[in-house]
């Protein structure tokens, strides 16, 4: 799916991004861990105090393997999604074309995204139809087809249903869970935010690299 040239990189001015919008809980352990001792593993308190959920917008650059321009907030609405993607595109004015890979969440195929792309492409709003009734805006399928148009400056690609694992950013999320969230202790939403941002900075500096797929598909006899 990645439109690369012989050097293994996208054509000049082309950016490939894979995005996801998860929510993470700020869970504080009710009691401190019992440290490791000779013959005993670390013992972790199973009861926790819930401090709420923080929604995140994560962008994964498939060329560098870095996480760039994340954002967060209490919600992940259609408006939040649009604001985040606008910020992502504005972060690199040198890029002439953006390819963004997403799953099939309804906010990823919204009226707001169609109107934004149409504005960038100087397409008249009156030609788009009416949401739920006619034209490009009629349904999620018609909106997705418009957003997937390769002639646009911002092109959206959608993973097949039940196959969001094909989005490489999901691999990064699994790293975040294993390295930070699974054993983390978060005393507030601000603490959760600060620890995730610190991990992203550390990851980009010390661990980031392009992901190389090893899965080759099922054998012919299966």
N, C-alpha and C. Protein backbone atom coordinates (compact mmCIF):
# COMPACT_ATOMS: atom_id res chain seq x y z
N UNK A 1 0.82 -1.19 0.00
CA UNK A 1 0.00 0.00 0.00
C UNK A 1 0.86 1.26 0.00
N UNK A 2 2.06 1.18 0.51
CA UNK A 2 2.92 2.36 0.58
C UNK A 2 3.55 2.63 -0.78
N UNK A 3 3.22 3.75 -1.38
CA UNK A 3 3.64 4.09 -2.73
C UNK A 3 5.09 4.58 -2.71
N UNK A 4 6.04 3.64 -2.72
CA UNK A 4 7.45 4.00 -2.57
C UNK A 4 8.19 3.87 -3.90
N UNK A 5 9.28 4.66 -4.03
CA UNK A 5 10.10 4.55 -5.22
C UNK A 5 11.26 3.58 -4.96
N UNK A 6 12.22 3.52 -5.83
CA UNK A 6 13.27 2.50 -5.72
C UNK A 6 14.15 2.68 -4.51
N UNK A 7 14.25 3.86 -3.97
CA UNK A 7 15.09 4.08 -2.80
C UNK A 7 14.43 3.59 -1.53
N UNK A 8 13.15 3.19 -1.62
CA UNK A 8 12.45 2.72 -0.44
C UNK A 8 11.74 3.82 0.30
N UNK A 9 11.71 5.04 -0.23
CA UNK A 9 11.05 6.16 0.41
C UNK A 9 9.96 6.70 -0.50
N UNK A 10 8.96 7.37 0.10
CA UNK A 10 7.93 7.96 -0.73
C UNK A 10 8.51 9.02 -1.66
N UNK A 11 7.84 9.33 -2.76
CA UNK A 11 8.31 10.39 -3.64
C UNK A 11 8.44 11.70 -2.88
N UNK A 12 9.33 12.61 -3.31
CA UNK A 12 9.51 13.88 -2.62
C UNK A 12 8.17 14.60 -2.44
N UNK A 13 7.97 15.13 -1.24
CA UNK A 13 6.75 15.88 -0.96
C UNK A 13 5.58 15.01 -0.54
N UNK A 14 5.77 13.68 -0.50
CA UNK A 14 4.69 12.77 -0.13
C UNK A 14 4.91 12.27 1.29
N UNK A 15 3.87 12.35 2.12
CA UNK A 15 3.96 11.87 3.49
C UNK A 15 2.98 10.72 3.70
N UNK A 16 3.47 9.63 4.31
CA UNK A 16 2.62 8.48 4.64
C UNK A 16 2.48 8.41 6.15
N UNK A 17 1.24 8.48 6.61
CA UNK A 17 0.99 8.46 8.05
C UNK A 17 -0.08 7.42 8.35
N UNK A 18 0.08 6.77 9.50
CA UNK A 18 -0.95 5.86 9.97
C UNK A 18 -1.41 6.39 11.32
N UNK A 19 -2.72 6.54 11.47
CA UNK A 19 -3.28 7.22 12.64
C UNK A 19 -4.27 6.35 13.37
N UNK A 20 -4.35 6.57 14.68
CA UNK A 20 -5.35 5.91 15.50
C UNK A 20 -5.74 6.83 16.63
N UNK A 21 -6.93 6.61 17.19
CA UNK A 21 -7.46 7.51 18.21
C UNK A 21 -7.95 6.70 19.42
N UNK A 22 -7.04 6.19 20.24
CA UNK A 22 -7.43 5.36 21.38
C UNK A 22 -7.78 6.20 22.61
N UNK A 23 -8.38 5.55 23.60
CA UNK A 23 -8.61 6.17 24.90
C UNK A 23 -7.88 5.37 25.96
N UNK A 24 -7.17 6.05 26.88
CA UNK A 24 -6.40 5.38 27.92
C UNK A 24 -6.93 5.81 29.29
N UNK A 25 -7.06 4.84 30.19
CA UNK A 25 -7.51 5.13 31.54
C UNK A 25 -6.34 5.52 32.44
N UNK A 26 -6.58 6.49 33.32
CA UNK A 26 -5.60 6.86 34.34
C UNK A 26 -5.93 6.05 35.59
N UNK A 27 -5.17 4.97 35.80
CA UNK A 27 -5.41 4.07 36.92
C UNK A 27 -4.27 4.18 37.92
N UNK A 28 -4.63 4.48 39.15
CA UNK A 28 -3.64 4.57 40.23
C UNK A 28 -3.77 3.35 41.13
N UNK A 29 -2.67 2.68 41.41
CA UNK A 29 -2.69 1.53 42.30
C UNK A 29 -3.07 1.99 43.72
N UNK A 30 -3.98 1.23 44.35
CA UNK A 30 -4.48 1.64 45.66
C UNK A 30 -3.40 1.58 46.73
N UNK A 31 -2.46 0.63 46.57
CA UNK A 31 -1.37 0.49 47.52
C UNK A 31 -0.06 0.31 46.75
N UNK A 32 1.07 0.67 47.34
CA UNK A 32 2.36 0.55 46.64
C UNK A 32 2.70 -0.90 46.34
N UNK A 33 3.52 -1.10 45.30
CA UNK A 33 4.03 -2.42 44.97
C UNK A 33 4.93 -2.93 46.09
N UNK A 34 5.01 -4.25 46.21
CA UNK A 34 6.00 -4.86 47.09
C UNK A 34 7.21 -5.21 46.24
N UNK A 35 8.38 -4.65 46.54
CA UNK A 35 9.54 -4.82 45.65
C UNK A 35 10.04 -6.27 45.61
N UNK A 36 10.81 -6.55 44.57
CA UNK A 36 11.42 -7.87 44.44
C UNK A 36 12.38 -8.13 45.59
N UNK A 37 12.42 -9.38 46.00
CA UNK A 37 13.36 -9.84 47.01
C UNK A 37 13.90 -11.20 46.56
N UNK A 38 15.00 -11.63 47.13
CA UNK A 38 15.52 -12.96 46.75
C UNK A 38 14.44 -14.03 46.89
N UNK A 39 14.14 -14.70 45.77
CA UNK A 39 13.14 -15.75 45.78
C UNK A 39 11.72 -15.28 45.60
N UNK A 40 11.51 -13.97 45.43
CA UNK A 40 10.15 -13.43 45.28
C UNK A 40 10.12 -12.39 44.16
N UNK A 41 9.13 -12.50 43.29
CA UNK A 41 8.96 -11.51 42.22
C UNK A 41 8.30 -10.27 42.78
N UNK A 42 8.32 -9.20 42.02
CA UNK A 42 7.60 -7.98 42.40
C UNK A 42 6.11 -8.29 42.52
N UNK A 43 5.49 -7.79 43.57
CA UNK A 43 4.07 -8.03 43.79
C UNK A 43 3.31 -6.72 43.62
N UNK A 44 2.30 -6.79 42.78
CA UNK A 44 1.57 -5.58 42.40
C UNK A 44 0.16 -5.61 42.97
N UNK A 45 -0.25 -4.47 43.51
CA UNK A 45 -1.61 -4.30 44.02
C UNK A 45 -2.61 -4.41 42.87
N UNK A 46 -3.66 -5.23 43.07
CA UNK A 46 -4.62 -5.43 41.99
C UNK A 46 -5.78 -4.44 42.06
N UNK A 47 -6.00 -3.81 43.21
CA UNK A 47 -7.04 -2.79 43.30
C UNK A 47 -6.50 -1.45 42.83
N UNK A 48 -7.36 -0.67 42.22
CA UNK A 48 -6.90 0.61 41.68
C UNK A 48 -7.97 1.69 41.86
N UNK A 49 -7.51 2.93 41.73
CA UNK A 49 -8.39 4.10 41.78
C UNK A 49 -8.47 4.65 40.38
N UNK A 50 -9.68 4.83 39.87
CA UNK A 50 -9.87 5.29 38.51
C UNK A 50 -9.97 6.83 38.49
N UNK A 51 -9.15 7.46 37.65
CA UNK A 51 -9.14 8.92 37.55
C UNK A 51 -9.70 9.43 36.22
N UNK A 52 -10.32 8.55 35.45
CA UNK A 52 -10.91 9.00 34.19
C UNK A 52 -10.14 8.50 32.98
N UNK A 53 -10.59 8.92 31.83
CA UNK A 53 -10.03 8.47 30.55
C UNK A 53 -9.59 9.66 29.72
N UNK A 54 -8.46 9.52 29.06
CA UNK A 54 -7.93 10.55 28.18
C UNK A 54 -7.89 10.00 26.75
N UNK A 55 -8.53 10.71 25.84
CA UNK A 55 -8.54 10.30 24.44
C UNK A 55 -7.30 10.84 23.74
N UNK A 56 -6.68 10.01 22.92
CA UNK A 56 -5.46 10.38 22.22
C UNK A 56 -5.62 10.27 20.71
N UNK A 57 -4.88 11.10 20.00
CA UNK A 57 -4.79 11.06 18.55
C UNK A 57 -3.32 10.85 18.22
N UNK A 58 -3.00 9.67 17.72
CA UNK A 58 -1.61 9.26 17.51
C UNK A 58 -1.31 9.15 16.02
N UNK A 59 -0.21 9.76 15.57
CA UNK A 59 0.24 9.67 14.18
C UNK A 59 1.57 8.93 14.13
N UNK A 60 1.66 7.93 13.26
CA UNK A 60 2.88 7.14 13.10
C UNK A 60 3.43 7.36 11.70
N UNK A 61 4.64 7.90 11.62
CA UNK A 61 5.31 8.14 10.34
C UNK A 61 5.95 6.85 9.86
N UNK A 62 5.46 6.28 8.76
CA UNK A 62 5.94 4.97 8.33
C UNK A 62 7.37 5.00 7.82
N UNK A 63 7.88 6.17 7.45
CA UNK A 63 9.25 6.26 6.94
C UNK A 63 10.27 6.30 8.08
N UNK A 64 10.03 7.15 9.07
CA UNK A 64 10.99 7.29 10.17
C UNK A 64 10.67 6.36 11.33
N UNK A 65 9.42 5.89 11.43
CA UNK A 65 9.02 5.09 12.58
C UNK A 65 8.76 5.91 13.82
N UNK A 66 8.67 7.22 13.67
CA UNK A 66 8.45 8.09 14.82
C UNK A 66 6.96 8.43 14.98
N UNK A 67 6.61 8.80 16.20
CA UNK A 67 5.27 9.30 16.51
C UNK A 67 5.36 10.82 16.53
N UNK A 68 4.57 11.47 15.67
CA UNK A 68 4.68 12.92 15.46
C UNK A 68 3.34 13.60 15.74
N UNK A 69 3.40 14.77 16.34
CA UNK A 69 2.24 15.63 16.54
C UNK A 69 1.05 14.92 17.20
N UNK A 70 1.27 14.26 18.34
CA UNK A 70 0.11 13.67 19.02
C UNK A 70 -0.74 14.77 19.65
N UNK A 71 -2.00 14.47 19.88
CA UNK A 71 -2.86 15.40 20.62
C UNK A 71 -3.77 14.59 21.52
N UNK A 72 -4.43 15.24 22.46
CA UNK A 72 -5.21 14.53 23.46
C UNK A 72 -6.31 15.45 23.97
N UNK A 73 -7.27 14.84 24.66
CA UNK A 73 -8.38 15.62 25.21
C UNK A 73 -9.41 14.71 25.83
N UNK A 74 -10.49 15.27 26.37
CA UNK A 74 -11.51 14.47 27.04
C UNK A 74 -12.42 13.70 26.08
N UNK A 75 -12.45 14.10 24.81
CA UNK A 75 -13.35 13.47 23.84
C UNK A 75 -12.61 13.18 22.55
N UNK A 76 -13.24 12.38 21.68
CA UNK A 76 -12.71 12.13 20.34
C UNK A 76 -13.86 12.19 19.34
N UNK A 77 -14.46 13.35 19.25
CA UNK A 77 -15.61 13.57 18.40
C UNK A 77 -15.19 13.85 16.96
N UNK A 78 -16.17 14.01 16.10
CA UNK A 78 -15.91 14.38 14.71
C UNK A 78 -15.11 15.67 14.63
N UNK A 79 -15.47 16.63 15.49
CA UNK A 79 -14.75 17.91 15.50
C UNK A 79 -13.32 17.74 16.00
N UNK A 80 -13.13 16.89 17.01
CA UNK A 80 -11.78 16.62 17.52
C UNK A 80 -10.90 15.99 16.45
N UNK A 81 -11.47 15.03 15.72
CA UNK A 81 -10.74 14.35 14.65
C UNK A 81 -10.31 15.33 13.58
N UNK A 82 -11.21 16.18 13.16
CA UNK A 82 -10.89 17.17 12.13
C UNK A 82 -9.81 18.13 12.60
N UNK A 83 -9.94 18.62 13.82
CA UNK A 83 -8.94 19.56 14.35
C UNK A 83 -7.56 18.92 14.40
N UNK A 84 -7.50 17.65 14.81
CA UNK A 84 -6.22 16.95 14.88
C UNK A 84 -5.59 16.79 13.50
N UNK A 85 -6.38 16.35 12.52
CA UNK A 85 -5.82 16.12 11.19
C UNK A 85 -5.41 17.43 10.52
N UNK A 86 -6.16 18.50 10.77
CA UNK A 86 -5.74 19.81 10.27
C UNK A 86 -4.37 20.18 10.84
N UNK A 87 -4.21 19.96 12.13
CA UNK A 87 -2.94 20.29 12.78
C UNK A 87 -1.81 19.46 12.21
N UNK A 88 -2.08 18.17 11.96
CA UNK A 88 -1.05 17.30 11.38
C UNK A 88 -0.60 17.82 10.02
N UNK A 89 -1.55 18.12 9.14
CA UNK A 89 -1.21 18.58 7.79
C UNK A 89 -0.49 19.93 7.83
N UNK A 90 -0.91 20.81 8.72
CA UNK A 90 -0.26 22.12 8.83
C UNK A 90 1.14 22.03 9.42
N UNK A 91 1.48 20.88 10.04
CA UNK A 91 2.80 20.75 10.67
C UNK A 91 3.93 20.63 9.65
N UNK A 92 3.60 20.31 8.39
CA UNK A 92 4.64 20.16 7.37
C UNK A 92 4.18 20.85 6.08
N UNK A 93 4.38 22.15 5.98
CA UNK A 93 3.93 22.88 4.79
C UNK A 93 4.66 22.48 3.51
N UNK A 94 5.79 21.76 3.63
CA UNK A 94 6.54 21.35 2.44
C UNK A 94 5.91 20.15 1.75
N UNK A 95 5.09 19.40 2.47
CA UNK A 95 4.47 18.20 1.88
C UNK A 95 3.37 18.60 0.92
N UNK A 96 3.40 18.03 -0.26
CA UNK A 96 2.39 18.34 -1.28
C UNK A 96 1.28 17.31 -1.32
N UNK A 97 1.51 16.14 -0.73
CA UNK A 97 0.47 15.11 -0.69
C UNK A 97 0.61 14.30 0.60
N UNK A 98 -0.53 14.03 1.20
CA UNK A 98 -0.58 13.26 2.44
C UNK A 98 -1.38 11.99 2.21
N UNK A 99 -0.84 10.86 2.67
CA UNK A 99 -1.57 9.60 2.68
C UNK A 99 -1.76 9.19 4.14
N UNK A 100 -3.00 9.09 4.56
CA UNK A 100 -3.32 8.82 5.97
C UNK A 100 -4.13 7.54 6.05
N UNK A 101 -3.62 6.58 6.82
CA UNK A 101 -4.27 5.28 6.96
C UNK A 101 -5.05 5.25 8.28
N UNK A 102 -6.33 4.88 8.19
CA UNK A 102 -7.21 4.87 9.35
C UNK A 102 -8.07 3.60 9.32
N UNK A 103 -8.74 3.34 10.45
CA UNK A 103 -9.73 2.27 10.44
C UNK A 103 -11.08 2.86 10.02
N UNK A 104 -12.16 2.09 10.18
CA UNK A 104 -13.45 2.49 9.63
C UNK A 104 -14.38 3.17 10.64
N UNK A 105 -13.83 3.77 11.66
CA UNK A 105 -14.64 4.52 12.62
C UNK A 105 -15.42 5.62 11.89
N UNK A 106 -16.64 5.87 12.33
CA UNK A 106 -17.48 6.83 11.60
C UNK A 106 -16.89 8.23 11.55
N UNK A 107 -16.13 8.63 12.58
CA UNK A 107 -15.53 9.96 12.56
C UNK A 107 -14.42 10.09 11.52
N UNK A 108 -13.95 8.95 10.99
CA UNK A 108 -12.92 8.97 9.96
C UNK A 108 -13.51 9.11 8.55
N UNK A 109 -14.84 9.10 8.47
CA UNK A 109 -15.52 9.21 7.19
C UNK A 109 -16.66 10.23 7.32
N UNK A 110 -16.37 11.31 8.01
CA UNK A 110 -17.41 12.25 8.42
C UNK A 110 -17.68 13.34 7.39
N UNK A 111 -18.78 14.00 7.58
CA UNK A 111 -19.12 15.16 6.76
C UNK A 111 -18.07 16.25 6.90
N UNK A 112 -17.57 16.44 8.12
CA UNK A 112 -16.57 17.48 8.36
C UNK A 112 -15.31 17.25 7.55
N UNK A 113 -14.85 15.99 7.48
CA UNK A 113 -13.64 15.69 6.70
C UNK A 113 -13.88 15.94 5.22
N UNK A 114 -15.06 15.57 4.72
CA UNK A 114 -15.37 15.81 3.31
C UNK A 114 -15.35 17.30 3.01
N UNK A 115 -15.96 18.09 3.87
CA UNK A 115 -16.00 19.54 3.64
C UNK A 115 -14.60 20.14 3.69
N UNK A 116 -13.76 19.64 4.58
CA UNK A 116 -12.39 20.14 4.68
C UNK A 116 -11.58 19.81 3.42
N UNK A 117 -11.65 18.56 2.98
CA UNK A 117 -10.93 18.16 1.77
C UNK A 117 -11.48 18.91 0.55
N UNK A 118 -12.79 19.06 0.47
CA UNK A 118 -13.39 19.80 -0.64
C UNK A 118 -12.91 21.24 -0.67
N UNK A 119 -12.78 21.85 0.49
CA UNK A 119 -12.27 23.23 0.57
C UNK A 119 -10.83 23.30 0.07
N UNK A 120 -10.00 22.32 0.47
CA UNK A 120 -8.61 22.31 0.03
C UNK A 120 -8.51 22.11 -1.48
N UNK A 121 -9.45 21.33 -2.04
CA UNK A 121 -9.44 21.04 -3.47
C UNK A 121 -10.24 22.06 -4.28
N UNK A 122 -10.78 23.07 -3.59
CA UNK A 122 -11.59 24.12 -4.23
C UNK A 122 -12.80 23.52 -4.96
N UNK A 123 -13.43 22.56 -4.30
CA UNK A 123 -14.66 21.95 -4.81
C UNK A 123 -15.85 22.66 -4.16
N UNK A 124 -16.79 23.09 -4.94
CA UNK A 124 -17.93 23.84 -4.44
C UNK A 124 -18.77 22.98 -3.49
N UNK A 125 -19.14 23.55 -2.36
CA UNK A 125 -19.90 22.82 -1.35
C UNK A 125 -21.24 22.34 -1.91
N UNK A 126 -21.87 23.16 -2.74
CA UNK A 126 -23.19 22.80 -3.25
C UNK A 126 -23.17 21.57 -4.16
N UNK A 127 -21.99 21.14 -4.59
CA UNK A 127 -21.91 19.94 -5.45
C UNK A 127 -21.77 18.65 -4.65
N UNK A 128 -21.69 18.78 -3.32
CA UNK A 128 -21.42 17.61 -2.49
C UNK A 128 -22.68 16.86 -2.06
N UNK A 129 -23.83 17.45 -2.26
CA UNK A 129 -25.07 16.79 -1.87
C UNK A 129 -25.46 17.09 -0.44
N UNK A 130 -26.33 16.25 0.12
CA UNK A 130 -26.87 16.44 1.46
C UNK A 130 -26.65 15.16 2.27
N UNK A 131 -26.13 15.31 3.47
CA UNK A 131 -25.84 14.16 4.31
C UNK A 131 -27.11 13.34 4.55
N UNK A 132 -26.99 12.05 4.30
CA UNK A 132 -28.10 11.15 4.51
C UNK A 132 -29.13 11.13 3.40
N UNK A 133 -28.93 11.97 2.36
CA UNK A 133 -29.95 12.05 1.31
C UNK A 133 -29.39 11.87 -0.10
N UNK A 134 -28.31 12.59 -0.42
CA UNK A 134 -27.86 12.56 -1.81
C UNK A 134 -26.40 12.92 -1.92
N UNK A 135 -25.81 12.58 -3.09
CA UNK A 135 -24.47 13.01 -3.45
C UNK A 135 -23.37 12.39 -2.62
N UNK A 136 -22.22 13.02 -2.63
CA UNK A 136 -21.04 12.54 -1.92
C UNK A 136 -21.30 12.41 -0.42
N UNK A 137 -22.08 13.32 0.14
CA UNK A 137 -22.33 13.32 1.57
C UNK A 137 -23.39 12.30 2.00
N UNK A 138 -23.97 11.59 1.07
CA UNK A 138 -25.13 10.73 1.35
C UNK A 138 -24.86 9.70 2.44
N UNK A 139 -23.78 8.95 2.35
CA UNK A 139 -23.54 7.84 3.26
C UNK A 139 -22.06 7.75 3.63
N UNK A 140 -21.76 6.89 4.60
CA UNK A 140 -20.36 6.67 4.96
C UNK A 140 -19.59 6.12 3.78
N UNK A 141 -20.22 5.24 3.00
CA UNK A 141 -19.55 4.65 1.84
C UNK A 141 -19.22 5.71 0.79
N UNK A 142 -20.16 6.61 0.51
CA UNK A 142 -19.92 7.64 -0.50
C UNK A 142 -18.89 8.65 -0.01
N UNK A 143 -18.93 8.94 1.28
CA UNK A 143 -17.93 9.87 1.82
C UNK A 143 -16.54 9.25 1.82
N UNK A 144 -16.46 7.95 2.17
CA UNK A 144 -15.16 7.26 2.16
C UNK A 144 -14.58 7.21 0.76
N UNK A 145 -15.42 6.98 -0.24
CA UNK A 145 -14.93 6.94 -1.62
C UNK A 145 -14.36 8.28 -2.04
N UNK A 146 -15.00 9.36 -1.64
CA UNK A 146 -14.50 10.71 -1.95
C UNK A 146 -13.17 10.95 -1.23
N UNK A 147 -13.10 10.60 0.04
CA UNK A 147 -11.88 10.84 0.82
C UNK A 147 -10.72 9.99 0.35
N UNK A 148 -11.02 8.90 -0.34
CA UNK A 148 -9.98 7.99 -0.83
C UNK A 148 -9.47 8.38 -2.23
N UNK A 149 -10.00 9.42 -2.80
CA UNK A 149 -9.63 9.84 -4.16
C UNK A 149 -8.13 10.16 -4.23
N UNK A 150 -7.35 9.42 -5.02
CA UNK A 150 -5.89 9.62 -5.07
C UNK A 150 -5.47 10.95 -5.69
N UNK A 151 -6.41 11.66 -6.31
CA UNK A 151 -6.08 12.94 -6.91
C UNK A 151 -6.01 14.06 -5.87
N UNK A 152 -6.53 13.83 -4.69
CA UNK A 152 -6.57 14.86 -3.65
C UNK A 152 -5.20 15.06 -3.02
N UNK A 153 -5.01 16.22 -2.41
CA UNK A 153 -3.77 16.49 -1.67
C UNK A 153 -3.70 15.66 -0.39
N UNK A 154 -4.84 15.43 0.24
CA UNK A 154 -4.93 14.58 1.43
C UNK A 154 -5.76 13.37 1.05
N UNK A 155 -5.13 12.19 1.08
CA UNK A 155 -5.79 10.96 0.65
C UNK A 155 -5.93 10.03 1.86
N UNK A 156 -7.14 9.56 2.11
CA UNK A 156 -7.40 8.66 3.23
C UNK A 156 -7.50 7.22 2.72
N UNK A 157 -6.85 6.32 3.45
CA UNK A 157 -6.91 4.89 3.14
C UNK A 157 -7.49 4.18 4.36
N UNK A 158 -8.40 3.26 4.14
CA UNK A 158 -9.09 2.59 5.24
C UNK A 158 -8.74 1.11 5.27
N UNK A 159 -8.38 0.63 6.45
CA UNK A 159 -8.10 -0.79 6.59
C UNK A 159 -9.40 -1.58 6.42
N UNK A 160 -9.31 -2.82 5.95
CA UNK A 160 -10.53 -3.64 5.84
C UNK A 160 -11.20 -3.80 7.20
N UNK A 161 -12.49 -4.04 7.20
CA UNK A 161 -13.20 -4.26 8.46
C UNK A 161 -12.61 -5.46 9.18
N UNK A 162 -12.53 -5.34 10.51
CA UNK A 162 -11.96 -6.38 11.38
C UNK A 162 -10.48 -6.61 11.09
N UNK A 163 -9.82 -5.64 10.49
CA UNK A 163 -8.38 -5.81 10.19
C UNK A 163 -7.60 -4.55 10.53
N UNK A 164 -7.97 -3.90 11.63
CA UNK A 164 -7.24 -2.69 12.02
C UNK A 164 -5.80 -3.02 12.39
N UNK A 165 -5.50 -4.32 12.65
CA UNK A 165 -4.12 -4.72 12.97
C UNK A 165 -3.18 -4.44 11.81
N UNK A 166 -3.73 -4.25 10.61
CA UNK A 166 -2.88 -3.95 9.46
C UNK A 166 -2.30 -2.54 9.52
N UNK A 167 -2.88 -1.69 10.37
CA UNK A 167 -2.37 -0.34 10.55
C UNK A 167 -1.15 -0.40 11.46
N UNK A 168 0.00 0.04 10.97
CA UNK A 168 1.24 -0.10 11.74
C UNK A 168 1.22 0.63 13.07
N UNK A 169 0.40 1.66 13.20
CA UNK A 169 0.35 2.37 14.47
C UNK A 169 -0.15 1.46 15.59
N UNK A 170 -0.89 0.41 15.25
CA UNK A 170 -1.34 -0.54 16.26
C UNK A 170 -0.15 -1.29 16.86
N UNK A 171 0.90 -1.50 16.07
CA UNK A 171 2.11 -2.13 16.60
C UNK A 171 2.75 -1.20 17.62
N UNK A 172 2.78 0.10 17.30
CA UNK A 172 3.34 1.05 18.25
C UNK A 172 2.52 1.10 19.53
N UNK A 173 1.21 1.04 19.42
CA UNK A 173 0.35 1.06 20.61
C UNK A 173 0.64 -0.15 21.50
N UNK A 174 0.91 -1.30 20.89
CA UNK A 174 1.22 -2.48 21.70
C UNK A 174 2.54 -2.27 22.47
N UNK A 175 3.48 -1.55 21.85
CA UNK A 175 4.73 -1.22 22.55
C UNK A 175 4.45 -0.29 23.71
N UNK A 176 3.60 0.71 23.51
CA UNK A 176 3.24 1.64 24.58
C UNK A 176 2.59 0.89 25.75
N UNK A 177 1.70 -0.04 25.44
CA UNK A 177 1.03 -0.80 26.49
C UNK A 177 2.03 -1.63 27.28
N UNK A 178 2.92 -2.34 26.57
CA UNK A 178 3.88 -3.22 27.25
C UNK A 178 4.91 -2.44 28.06
N UNK A 179 5.39 -1.34 27.49
CA UNK A 179 6.49 -0.60 28.11
C UNK A 179 6.03 0.36 29.20
N UNK A 180 4.79 0.86 29.10
CA UNK A 180 4.36 1.91 30.03
C UNK A 180 3.03 1.62 30.71
N UNK A 181 1.98 1.43 29.93
CA UNK A 181 0.64 1.43 30.50
C UNK A 181 0.35 0.21 31.38
N UNK A 182 0.84 -0.96 30.96
CA UNK A 182 0.51 -2.19 31.69
C UNK A 182 0.96 -2.15 33.13
N UNK A 183 2.12 -1.60 33.39
CA UNK A 183 2.67 -1.55 34.75
C UNK A 183 2.72 -0.13 35.31
N UNK A 184 2.03 0.78 34.64
CA UNK A 184 2.08 2.17 35.05
C UNK A 184 1.22 2.46 36.26
N UNK A 185 1.51 3.58 36.89
CA UNK A 185 0.74 4.08 38.02
C UNK A 185 0.47 5.56 37.76
N UNK A 186 -0.78 5.92 37.54
CA UNK A 186 -1.12 7.26 37.07
C UNK A 186 -2.05 7.93 38.08
N UNK A 187 -1.56 8.96 38.73
CA UNK A 187 -2.28 9.59 39.83
C UNK A 187 -3.34 10.60 39.38
N UNK A 188 -3.32 10.93 38.10
CA UNK A 188 -4.29 11.89 37.56
C UNK A 188 -4.23 11.82 36.04
N UNK A 189 -5.17 12.50 35.37
CA UNK A 189 -5.12 12.57 33.91
C UNK A 189 -3.89 13.33 33.44
N UNK A 190 -3.50 14.35 34.19
CA UNK A 190 -2.30 15.11 33.83
C UNK A 190 -1.05 14.23 33.95
N UNK A 191 -1.02 13.38 34.97
CA UNK A 191 0.10 12.47 35.16
C UNK A 191 0.16 11.47 34.00
N UNK A 192 -1.00 10.95 33.61
CA UNK A 192 -1.06 10.04 32.46
C UNK A 192 -0.55 10.72 31.21
N UNK A 193 -1.02 11.94 30.95
CA UNK A 193 -0.57 12.69 29.77
C UNK A 193 0.93 12.89 29.78
N UNK A 194 1.47 13.33 30.91
CA UNK A 194 2.90 13.63 30.98
C UNK A 194 3.75 12.38 30.78
N UNK A 195 3.32 11.25 31.33
CA UNK A 195 4.09 10.02 31.18
C UNK A 195 4.05 9.51 29.74
N UNK A 196 2.90 9.62 29.09
CA UNK A 196 2.82 9.18 27.69
C UNK A 196 3.67 10.08 26.80
N UNK A 197 3.62 11.39 27.01
CA UNK A 197 4.43 12.31 26.21
C UNK A 197 5.92 12.06 26.43
N UNK A 198 6.30 11.78 27.68
CA UNK A 198 7.71 11.48 27.96
C UNK A 198 8.12 10.19 27.27
N UNK A 199 7.23 9.19 27.24
CA UNK A 199 7.55 7.94 26.55
C UNK A 199 7.71 8.17 25.06
N UNK A 200 6.82 8.98 24.46
CA UNK A 200 6.93 9.27 23.03
C UNK A 200 8.26 9.93 22.72
N UNK A 201 8.67 10.88 23.54
CA UNK A 201 9.96 11.55 23.33
C UNK A 201 11.11 10.55 23.42
N UNK A 202 11.06 9.68 24.44
CA UNK A 202 12.11 8.66 24.60
C UNK A 202 12.10 7.69 23.43
N UNK A 203 10.91 7.25 23.02
CA UNK A 203 10.81 6.29 21.92
C UNK A 203 11.37 6.89 20.63
N UNK A 204 10.99 8.11 20.31
CA UNK A 204 11.46 8.74 19.08
C UNK A 204 12.98 8.89 19.08
N UNK A 205 13.56 9.13 20.25
CA UNK A 205 15.00 9.37 20.34
C UNK A 205 15.81 8.08 20.32
N UNK A 206 15.29 7.00 20.90
CA UNK A 206 16.11 5.81 21.12
C UNK A 206 15.61 4.54 20.43
N UNK A 207 14.35 4.46 20.06
CA UNK A 207 13.79 3.20 19.59
C UNK A 207 13.18 3.25 18.19
N UNK A 208 12.87 4.45 17.71
CA UNK A 208 12.09 4.57 16.47
C UNK A 208 12.86 4.04 15.27
N UNK A 209 12.17 3.25 14.45
CA UNK A 209 12.70 2.78 13.17
C UNK A 209 11.52 2.28 12.35
N UNK A 210 11.66 2.25 11.02
CA UNK A 210 10.56 1.76 10.19
C UNK A 210 10.22 0.31 10.54
N UNK A 211 8.95 -0.01 10.49
CA UNK A 211 8.51 -1.37 10.77
C UNK A 211 8.60 -2.21 9.50
N UNK A 212 9.20 -3.38 9.62
CA UNK A 212 9.31 -4.30 8.49
C UNK A 212 8.36 -5.48 8.73
N UNK A 213 7.41 -5.64 7.83
CA UNK A 213 6.45 -6.73 7.99
C UNK A 213 7.14 -8.09 7.85
N UNK A 214 6.76 -9.03 8.69
CA UNK A 214 7.26 -10.40 8.57
C UNK A 214 6.14 -11.37 8.20
N UNK A 215 4.88 -10.92 8.34
CA UNK A 215 3.75 -11.78 8.00
C UNK A 215 3.61 -11.86 6.48
N UNK A 216 3.57 -13.08 5.95
CA UNK A 216 3.50 -13.28 4.49
C UNK A 216 2.17 -13.86 4.05
N UNK A 217 1.21 -14.00 4.95
CA UNK A 217 -0.10 -14.55 4.59
C UNK A 217 -0.18 -16.03 4.87
N UNK A 218 -1.39 -16.56 4.74
CA UNK A 218 -1.60 -17.99 4.98
C UNK A 218 -1.05 -18.81 3.82
N UNK A 219 -0.62 -20.01 4.10
CA UNK A 219 -0.13 -20.90 3.06
C UNK A 219 -1.29 -21.34 2.18
N UNK A 220 -1.03 -21.74 0.94
CA UNK A 220 -2.11 -22.10 -0.02
C UNK A 220 -3.01 -23.22 0.45
N UNK A 221 -2.49 -24.10 1.32
CA UNK A 221 -3.28 -25.25 1.74
C UNK A 221 -4.16 -24.97 2.95
N UNK A 222 -4.24 -23.67 3.37
CA UNK A 222 -5.06 -23.34 4.54
C UNK A 222 -6.25 -22.50 4.12
